[in-house]
N, C-alpha and C. Protein backbone atom coordinates (compact mmCIF):
# COMPACT_ATOMS: atom_id res chain seq x y z
N MET A 1 0.82 -1.19 0.00
CA MET A 1 0.00 0.00 0.00
C MET A 1 0.86 1.25 0.00
N ALA A 2 0.50 2.18 -0.82
CA ALA A 2 1.23 3.45 -0.88
C ALA A 2 0.82 4.33 0.29
N ARG A 3 1.81 4.95 0.85
CA ARG A 3 1.55 5.85 1.97
C ARG A 3 1.13 7.21 1.45
N LYS A 4 0.11 7.79 2.05
CA LYS A 4 -0.33 9.12 1.64
C LYS A 4 0.64 10.17 2.18
N LYS A 5 0.97 11.11 1.32
CA LYS A 5 1.86 12.18 1.73
C LYS A 5 1.06 13.25 2.47
N LYS A 6 1.59 13.68 3.59
CA LYS A 6 0.93 14.74 4.37
C LYS A 6 1.04 16.07 3.64
N ILE A 7 -0.04 16.81 3.61
CA ILE A 7 -0.04 18.15 3.03
C ILE A 7 0.01 19.15 4.18
N PRO A 8 1.08 19.96 4.26
CA PRO A 8 1.17 20.93 5.35
C PRO A 8 0.05 21.96 5.26
N VAL A 9 -0.55 22.25 6.41
CA VAL A 9 -1.65 23.21 6.49
C VAL A 9 -1.22 24.36 7.38
N ARG A 10 -1.49 25.58 6.95
CA ARG A 10 -1.17 26.77 7.72
C ARG A 10 -2.40 27.66 7.81
N THR A 11 -2.40 28.55 8.79
CA THR A 11 -3.52 29.47 9.01
C THR A 11 -3.15 30.85 8.49
N CYS A 12 -4.06 31.45 7.72
CA CYS A 12 -3.86 32.81 7.20
C CYS A 12 -3.93 33.80 8.36
N LEU A 13 -3.00 34.71 8.40
CA LEU A 13 -2.95 35.71 9.46
C LEU A 13 -4.10 36.71 9.36
N GLY A 14 -4.60 36.94 8.16
CA GLY A 14 -5.67 37.91 7.96
C GLY A 14 -7.05 37.36 8.27
N CYS A 15 -7.43 36.25 7.61
CA CYS A 15 -8.80 35.74 7.74
C CYS A 15 -8.92 34.54 8.68
N GLN A 16 -7.80 34.02 9.15
CA GLN A 16 -7.76 32.89 10.08
C GLN A 16 -8.28 31.58 9.49
N GLU A 17 -8.33 31.46 8.17
CA GLU A 17 -8.75 30.22 7.52
C GLU A 17 -7.54 29.33 7.29
N LYS A 18 -7.74 28.03 7.45
CA LYS A 18 -6.65 27.07 7.23
C LYS A 18 -6.65 26.65 5.78
N GLN A 19 -5.44 26.67 5.19
CA GLN A 19 -5.28 26.29 3.80
C GLN A 19 -3.95 25.56 3.63
N SER A 20 -3.80 24.96 2.48
CA SER A 20 -2.55 24.31 2.14
C SER A 20 -1.43 25.35 2.15
N LYS A 21 -0.28 24.95 2.64
CA LYS A 21 0.86 25.86 2.73
C LYS A 21 1.22 26.45 1.37
N ARG A 22 1.07 25.68 0.31
CA ARG A 22 1.43 26.14 -1.04
C ARG A 22 0.48 27.19 -1.58
N GLU A 23 -0.72 27.27 -1.05
CA GLU A 23 -1.70 28.25 -1.52
C GLU A 23 -1.51 29.61 -0.86
N LEU A 24 -0.71 29.68 0.19
CA LEU A 24 -0.52 30.91 0.94
C LEU A 24 0.82 31.57 0.58
N VAL A 25 0.95 32.84 0.93
CA VAL A 25 2.17 33.60 0.71
C VAL A 25 2.82 33.83 2.07
N ARG A 26 4.12 33.60 2.15
CA ARG A 26 4.83 33.71 3.42
C ARG A 26 5.46 35.10 3.57
N ILE A 27 5.36 35.62 4.78
CA ILE A 27 6.06 36.84 5.15
C ILE A 27 7.06 36.42 6.23
N VAL A 28 8.31 36.81 6.07
CA VAL A 28 9.36 36.30 6.94
C VAL A 28 10.16 37.43 7.59
N ARG A 29 10.59 37.17 8.83
CA ARG A 29 11.58 38.04 9.50
C ARG A 29 12.89 37.27 9.46
N THR A 30 13.83 37.79 8.70
CA THR A 30 15.11 37.11 8.52
C THR A 30 15.96 37.21 9.78
N PRO A 31 17.02 36.41 9.88
CA PRO A 31 17.92 36.53 11.04
C PRO A 31 18.55 37.92 11.18
N GLU A 32 18.57 38.69 10.09
CA GLU A 32 19.11 40.06 10.12
C GLU A 32 18.03 41.06 10.51
N SER A 33 16.86 40.59 10.96
CA SER A 33 15.71 41.40 11.37
C SER A 33 15.08 42.18 10.23
N GLU A 34 15.23 41.71 9.02
CA GLU A 34 14.58 42.33 7.86
C GLU A 34 13.26 41.61 7.63
N ILE A 35 12.20 42.37 7.39
CA ILE A 35 10.88 41.78 7.14
C ILE A 35 10.60 41.90 5.66
N LYS A 36 10.30 40.74 5.03
CA LYS A 36 10.07 40.76 3.59
C LYS A 36 9.12 39.64 3.18
N LEU A 37 8.63 39.76 1.97
CA LEU A 37 7.77 38.75 1.38
C LEU A 37 8.65 37.59 0.92
N ASP A 38 8.18 36.38 1.12
CA ASP A 38 8.94 35.19 0.73
C ASP A 38 8.07 34.31 -0.17
N PRO A 39 8.02 34.60 -1.47
CA PRO A 39 7.16 33.82 -2.36
C PRO A 39 7.59 32.36 -2.49
N THR A 40 8.87 32.05 -2.25
CA THR A 40 9.33 30.67 -2.36
C THR A 40 8.96 29.86 -1.13
N GLY A 41 8.79 30.53 0.02
CA GLY A 41 8.46 29.83 1.26
C GLY A 41 9.63 29.12 1.88
N LYS A 42 10.85 29.43 1.44
CA LYS A 42 12.02 28.71 1.92
C LYS A 42 13.08 29.58 2.58
N ALA A 43 12.84 30.87 2.70
CA ALA A 43 13.83 31.76 3.30
C ALA A 43 13.99 31.45 4.79
N ASN A 44 15.22 31.63 5.29
CA ASN A 44 15.48 31.42 6.71
C ASN A 44 14.81 32.50 7.53
N GLY A 45 14.34 32.13 8.70
CA GLY A 45 13.76 33.09 9.61
C GLY A 45 12.37 32.69 10.06
N ARG A 46 11.81 33.52 10.92
CA ARG A 46 10.47 33.27 11.46
C ARG A 46 9.45 33.78 10.45
N GLY A 47 8.48 32.95 10.13
CA GLY A 47 7.53 33.32 9.11
C GLY A 47 6.08 33.19 9.54
N THR A 48 5.23 33.82 8.77
CA THR A 48 3.79 33.71 8.93
C THR A 48 3.18 33.71 7.54
N TYR A 49 1.94 33.29 7.44
CA TYR A 49 1.32 33.09 6.14
C TYR A 49 0.08 33.96 5.96
N VAL A 50 -0.15 34.38 4.70
CA VAL A 50 -1.29 35.22 4.35
C VAL A 50 -1.87 34.69 3.04
N CYS A 51 -3.20 34.72 2.93
CA CYS A 51 -3.86 34.36 1.67
C CYS A 51 -3.40 35.30 0.57
N PRO A 52 -3.42 34.85 -0.68
CA PRO A 52 -3.00 35.74 -1.77
C PRO A 52 -4.06 36.77 -2.15
N SER A 53 -4.69 37.39 -1.16
CA SER A 53 -5.67 38.44 -1.43
C SER A 53 -5.26 39.71 -0.70
N GLU A 54 -5.56 40.82 -1.32
CA GLU A 54 -5.21 42.13 -0.76
C GLU A 54 -5.88 42.36 0.59
N ASP A 55 -7.11 41.87 0.75
CA ASP A 55 -7.85 42.06 2.00
C ASP A 55 -7.14 41.42 3.19
N CYS A 56 -6.69 40.20 2.99
CA CYS A 56 -6.00 39.49 4.09
C CYS A 56 -4.69 40.17 4.45
N LEU A 57 -3.97 40.65 3.45
CA LEU A 57 -2.72 41.36 3.72
C LEU A 57 -3.00 42.61 4.54
N GLU A 58 -4.01 43.38 4.15
CA GLU A 58 -4.33 44.61 4.86
C GLU A 58 -4.78 44.34 6.29
N LYS A 59 -5.57 43.28 6.50
CA LYS A 59 -5.98 42.91 7.86
C LYS A 59 -4.76 42.59 8.71
N ALA A 60 -3.82 41.85 8.14
CA ALA A 60 -2.62 41.47 8.88
C ALA A 60 -1.77 42.69 9.23
N LEU A 61 -1.71 43.66 8.33
CA LEU A 61 -0.88 44.85 8.57
C LEU A 61 -1.56 45.86 9.48
N LYS A 62 -2.86 46.05 9.33
CA LYS A 62 -3.56 47.08 10.10
C LYS A 62 -3.71 46.74 11.57
N LYS A 63 -4.02 45.53 11.88
CA LYS A 63 -4.32 45.17 13.27
C LYS A 63 -3.08 44.75 14.05
N ASP A 64 -1.90 44.99 13.51
CA ASP A 64 -0.64 44.62 14.15
C ASP A 64 -0.53 43.13 14.43
N LYS A 65 -1.23 42.33 13.66
CA LYS A 65 -1.10 40.88 13.81
C LYS A 65 0.30 40.44 13.39
N LEU A 66 0.86 41.15 12.42
CA LEU A 66 2.19 40.82 11.93
C LEU A 66 3.23 41.00 13.03
N LYS A 67 3.07 42.02 13.83
CA LYS A 67 3.99 42.28 14.94
C LYS A 67 4.01 41.10 15.90
N LYS A 68 2.85 40.60 16.24
CA LYS A 68 2.76 39.48 17.18
C LYS A 68 3.28 38.18 16.56
N ALA A 69 2.95 37.94 15.30
CA ALA A 69 3.35 36.70 14.65
C ALA A 69 4.86 36.61 14.45
N LEU A 70 5.50 37.73 14.18
CA LEU A 70 6.94 37.73 13.92
C LEU A 70 7.77 38.09 15.14
N ASN A 71 7.12 38.36 16.26
CA ASN A 71 7.80 38.72 17.51
C ASN A 71 8.75 39.91 17.35
N THR A 72 8.31 40.92 16.62
CA THR A 72 9.12 42.11 16.45
C THR A 72 8.23 43.28 16.04
N GLY A 73 8.69 44.47 16.27
CA GLY A 73 7.94 45.64 15.84
C GLY A 73 8.02 45.80 14.33
N VAL A 74 6.94 46.29 13.73
CA VAL A 74 6.91 46.49 12.28
C VAL A 74 6.63 47.97 12.03
N SER A 75 7.62 48.66 11.48
CA SER A 75 7.47 50.09 11.23
C SER A 75 6.61 50.34 10.00
N GLU A 76 6.18 51.59 9.85
CA GLU A 76 5.37 51.97 8.68
C GLU A 76 6.17 51.80 7.39
N GLU A 77 7.48 52.05 7.44
CA GLU A 77 8.31 51.88 6.25
C GLU A 77 8.34 50.41 5.83
N GLU A 78 8.44 49.51 6.81
CA GLU A 78 8.45 48.08 6.51
C GLU A 78 7.11 47.62 5.95
N LYS A 79 6.02 48.18 6.48
CA LYS A 79 4.70 47.84 5.96
C LYS A 79 4.56 48.28 4.50
N GLU A 80 5.06 49.48 4.19
CA GLU A 80 5.01 49.97 2.81
C GLU A 80 5.87 49.11 1.89
N LYS A 81 7.02 48.67 2.42
CA LYS A 81 7.91 47.80 1.63
C LYS A 81 7.20 46.48 1.30
N ILE A 82 6.49 45.93 2.27
CA ILE A 82 5.75 44.69 2.05
C ILE A 82 4.65 44.90 1.02
N ARG A 83 3.94 46.03 1.12
CA ARG A 83 2.89 46.33 0.14
C ARG A 83 3.47 46.45 -1.28
N THR A 84 4.64 47.09 -1.40
CA THR A 84 5.29 47.23 -2.70
C THR A 84 5.70 45.87 -3.25
N GLU A 85 6.30 45.03 -2.40
CA GLU A 85 6.69 43.69 -2.82
C GLU A 85 5.45 42.88 -3.22
N TRP A 86 4.36 43.08 -2.48
CA TRP A 86 3.10 42.38 -2.77
C TRP A 86 2.59 42.74 -4.17
N ASP A 87 2.62 44.04 -4.49
CA ASP A 87 2.17 44.50 -5.80
C ASP A 87 3.01 43.89 -6.92
N GLN A 88 4.32 43.81 -6.71
CA GLN A 88 5.20 43.21 -7.71
C GLN A 88 4.96 41.72 -7.82
N PHE A 89 4.68 41.07 -6.71
CA PHE A 89 4.44 39.62 -6.68
C PHE A 89 3.13 39.28 -7.40
N GLN A 90 2.11 40.13 -7.27
CA GLN A 90 0.82 39.87 -7.88
C GLN A 90 0.83 40.02 -9.39
N LYS A 91 1.82 40.71 -9.95
CA LYS A 91 1.87 40.94 -11.41
C LYS A 91 2.32 39.72 -12.14
């Protein structure tokens, strides 16, 4: 009998829905304390996941959920940088 492969499931930071890890976009705090979008999902550091929708990203950024998930403060400049990376990623 073939063994079924486990599909990793993660929770979206914005809408709190559980989805396959591959369907979500990762936001990571690198060991150098840089916060950035990680479309590959493989960058080193502490990460959290967001649905690929603008609404979920905005919920995560507005309510400071990102600060709690990454265990670090997130400045307005870093939030704008994430929004810019998000726009480039969506194209």
